[in-house]
Protein backbone atom coordinates (compact mmCIF):
# COMPACT_ATOMS: atom_id res chain seq x y z
CA MET A 1 69.01 106.03 89.25
CA GLN A 2 68.18 109.66 88.57
CA ILE A 3 71.35 111.70 89.02
CA LYS A 4 69.96 115.23 89.02
CA ASP A 5 70.93 116.87 92.33
CA LYS A 6 72.86 113.76 93.46
CA THR A 7 76.40 114.18 94.77
CA ILE A 8 78.92 112.17 92.76
CA VAL A 9 82.55 111.80 93.82
CA ILE A 10 84.98 110.94 91.04
CA THR A 11 88.61 109.99 91.66
CA GLY A 12 91.13 110.62 88.91
CA ALA A 13 88.87 113.45 87.76
CA ALA A 14 91.49 115.88 86.45
CA ARG A 15 91.85 114.26 83.01
CA GLY A 16 90.71 111.48 80.73
CA ILE A 17 87.78 109.26 81.65
CA GLY A 18 87.36 110.87 85.08
CA ARG A 19 87.02 114.36 83.64
CA ALA A 20 84.70 113.12 80.87
CA LEU A 21 82.45 111.46 83.46
CA ALA A 22 82.44 114.57 85.64
CA LEU A 23 81.34 116.74 82.71
CA ARG A 24 78.72 114.26 81.54
CA PHE A 25 77.20 113.88 85.00
CA ALA A 26 77.33 117.65 85.59
CA GLY A 27 75.53 118.09 82.28
CA GLN A 28 72.77 115.87 83.67
CA GLY A 29 72.44 117.99 86.81
CA ALA A 30 74.61 116.07 89.30
CA ASN A 31 76.80 117.89 91.79
CA ILE A 32 80.41 116.81 91.42
CA ALA A 33 83.29 116.34 93.87
CA LEU A 34 86.44 115.93 91.78
CA LEU A 35 89.44 114.19 93.37
CA ASP A 36 92.95 113.98 91.92
CA LEU A 37 96.59 114.83 92.59
CA ASN A 38 96.89 117.23 89.65
CA ALA A 39 95.64 120.44 91.29
CA ALA A 40 95.80 122.71 88.23
CA GLU A 41 93.88 120.41 85.88
CA LEU A 42 91.50 119.48 88.70
CA GLU A 43 90.55 123.15 89.22
CA ALA A 44 90.02 123.59 85.48
CA ALA A 45 87.74 120.52 85.37
CA ALA A 46 85.75 121.79 88.37
CA LYS A 47 85.27 125.17 86.66
CA GLN A 48 83.94 123.39 83.56
CA CYS A 49 81.41 121.55 85.74
CA VAL A 50 80.33 124.75 87.49
CA ALA A 51 79.80 126.36 84.08
CA LEU A 52 77.16 123.65 83.48
CA GLY A 53 75.13 125.05 86.40
CA VAL A 54 75.95 122.60 89.19
CA HIS A 55 77.89 122.70 92.45
CA ALA A 56 81.38 121.29 91.85
CA SER A 57 84.49 121.35 94.01
CA ALA A 58 88.06 120.14 93.55
CA TYR A 59 89.92 118.16 96.23
CA THR A 60 93.61 117.38 95.88
CA VAL A 61 94.24 113.93 97.35
CA ASP A 62 96.51 110.91 97.07
CA VAL A 63 93.99 108.04 97.05
CA SER A 64 96.58 105.68 98.55
CA SER A 65 96.70 107.74 101.78
CA GLU A 66 94.19 106.41 104.31
CA THR A 67 94.11 109.58 106.40
CA ARG A 68 93.80 111.90 103.38
CA VAL A 69 91.00 109.85 101.80
CA ALA A 70 89.02 109.89 105.06
CA ALA A 71 89.59 113.64 105.54
CA VAL A 72 88.63 114.51 101.96
CA LEU A 73 85.43 112.45 102.04
CA ASP A 74 84.50 114.10 105.36
CA GLN A 75 85.04 117.46 103.64
CA VAL A 76 82.88 116.39 100.67
CA VAL A 77 80.03 115.45 103.02
CA HIS A 78 80.45 118.76 104.86
CA ASP A 79 80.52 120.79 101.62
CA PHE A 80 77.71 118.99 99.77
CA GLY A 81 75.65 117.52 102.61
CA ALA A 82 75.56 114.21 100.74
CA LEU A 83 77.59 111.45 99.13
CA ASP A 84 75.41 109.42 96.76
CA VAL A 85 77.90 107.87 94.34
CA ILE A 86 81.65 107.35 94.23
CA VAL A 87 83.36 106.43 90.98
CA ASN A 88 86.79 104.91 91.68
CA ASN A 89 88.53 105.91 88.49
CA ALA A 90 92.03 106.93 89.66
CA GLY A 91 94.71 104.70 88.24
CA ILE A 92 98.31 104.80 87.08
CA VAL A 93 100.51 102.82 84.73
CA LYS A 94 104.24 102.40 85.20
CA ASP A 95 105.33 101.42 81.71
CA ALA A 96 107.78 98.64 82.46
CA LEU A 97 108.17 95.03 81.46
CA LEU A 98 108.41 92.46 84.21
CA VAL A 99 111.77 91.48 82.71
CA LYS A 100 113.31 93.12 79.64
CA VAL A 101 115.36 90.78 77.45
CA LYS A 102 117.53 91.67 74.46
CA ASP A 103 119.43 89.06 72.45
CA GLY A 104 118.84 86.49 75.19
CA GLU A 105 120.28 88.73 77.91
CA ILE A 106 118.35 90.36 80.75
CA VAL A 107 118.81 94.10 80.33
CA GLY A 108 116.26 95.40 82.82
CA LYS A 109 113.36 94.60 85.08
CA MET A 110 110.40 96.33 86.67
CA THR A 111 111.44 97.79 90.00
CA LEU A 112 109.66 97.07 93.25
CA GLN A 113 109.05 100.82 93.57
CA GLN A 114 107.25 100.88 90.18
CA TRP A 115 105.20 97.82 91.15
CA GLN A 116 104.28 99.22 94.56
CA ALA A 117 103.19 102.58 93.12
CA VAL A 118 100.73 100.81 90.81
CA ILE A 119 99.39 98.62 93.63
CA ASP A 120 99.08 101.59 95.99
CA VAL A 121 96.92 103.62 93.61
CA ASN A 122 95.11 100.97 91.55
CA LEU A 123 94.24 98.56 94.37
CA THR A 124 94.74 100.17 97.76
CA GLY A 125 93.27 103.47 96.53
CA VAL A 126 90.12 101.76 95.29
CA PHE A 127 89.79 99.85 98.57
CA LEU A 128 90.24 102.97 100.72
CA CYS A 129 87.89 105.16 98.70
CA ALA A 130 85.19 102.46 98.53
CA ARG A 131 85.43 101.66 102.25
CA GLU A 132 85.41 105.28 103.39
CA ALA A 133 82.58 106.20 101.01
CA ALA A 134 80.52 103.25 102.27
CA VAL A 135 81.02 104.36 105.88
CA ARG A 136 79.71 107.83 105.07
CA MET A 137 76.83 106.52 102.94
CA ILE A 138 75.71 104.32 105.83
CA LYS A 139 75.93 107.20 108.31
CA LEU A 140 73.94 109.46 105.97
CA ALA A 141 71.28 106.69 105.73
CA LYS A 142 70.42 107.49 102.10
CA GLY A 143 72.06 104.49 100.40
CA GLY A 144 74.51 104.96 97.59
CA VAL A 145 76.44 103.44 94.74
CA ILE A 146 80.14 102.51 94.62
CA VAL A 147 81.67 102.00 91.18
CA GLY A 148 85.11 100.74 90.17
CA ILE A 149 86.56 101.43 86.73
CA ALA A 150 89.51 99.76 85.02
CA GLU A 151 90.88 101.58 82.00
CA ARG A 152 91.95 99.53 79.01
CA LEU A 153 95.17 100.36 77.23
CA LYS A 154 95.64 99.75 73.50
CA LEU A 155 98.90 97.97 74.22
CA PRO A 156 99.64 94.29 73.77
CA VAL A 157 100.27 92.12 76.80
CA ARG A 158 103.66 90.53 76.29
CA TYR A 159 104.48 87.20 77.87
CA VAL A 160 108.17 86.49 78.48
CA GLY A 161 109.39 83.56 76.42
CA LEU A 162 106.16 83.04 74.45
CA GLY A 163 106.75 85.66 71.78
CA GLU A 164 103.00 86.31 71.50
CA ASN A 165 100.89 89.44 71.89
CA LEU A 166 97.36 89.31 73.27
CA GLU A 167 94.81 92.12 73.07
CA ASP A 168 92.49 92.96 75.95
CA LEU A 169 88.78 92.35 75.61
CA ARG A 170 86.79 95.50 74.90
CA PRO A 171 85.30 97.06 78.09
CA PHE A 172 82.69 99.80 78.35
CA ASP A 173 83.95 103.22 77.40
CA ALA A 174 83.05 106.21 79.57
CA ARG A 175 79.89 107.07 77.61
CA GLU A 176 78.60 103.49 77.65
CA PHE A 177 79.37 103.25 81.36
CA ALA A 178 77.43 106.42 82.16
CA GLU A 179 74.48 105.34 80.05
CA ALA A 180 74.43 101.81 81.47
CA LEU A 181 74.69 102.92 85.09
CA PHE A 182 72.40 105.91 85.09
CA SER A 183 69.72 104.89 82.62
CA LYS A 184 68.53 102.18 85.01
CA SER A 185 66.00 102.67 87.76
CA GLU A 186 67.20 102.86 91.34
CA SER A 187 66.24 99.25 91.97
CA SER A 188 68.16 97.86 89.00
CA ALA A 189 71.20 100.12 89.45
CA ASP A 190 72.13 98.18 92.57
CA SER A 191 72.75 95.04 90.55
CA ALA A 192 74.77 96.67 87.74
CA SER A 193 78.05 94.95 87.02
CA GLY A 194 80.90 96.49 88.96
CA SER A 195 78.73 98.54 91.29
CA TYR A 196 77.82 97.90 94.88
CA ALA A 197 75.06 99.46 96.90
CA ALA A 198 75.89 100.72 100.37
């Protein structure tokens, strides 16, 4: 897929992988719609994209809000006249153990509020953004690509009672992802792992 002049929406675009992807795609001539809750860093990222000579706009949104996601994607289509790709990158971590044990005694546990916040952003947010992007891609009748990203943490996974630490398998990093997705032709991009054509 050639990305020059395509409109790419990136969630979680204020920092980290999302910002790196926005700058890389802008550097290749894509127009960028940056979505995040962090308004100040989002504006700074959008300005960096604009400095690369493309159209870029920042949209403050909570991806777990159905009405806000729909409204923001409508605004993106209005502002850019297109929605070719959405990269679902927004995600949060609530650093808590399921159950914290010290000297055989339970001293804490992950709260339902912590759990629900992670589910709301990392699962519901991806679902809402993918669904609402697909609806707009279909209405625009130009096709499109929907991508989901899971960020790996360099932290061990601790299993209660086993006393063992397991490392995650190594996923693509942002650069490898961009190269793998956008170095393919339009016909092969549809079958790339983790992406779905609308």
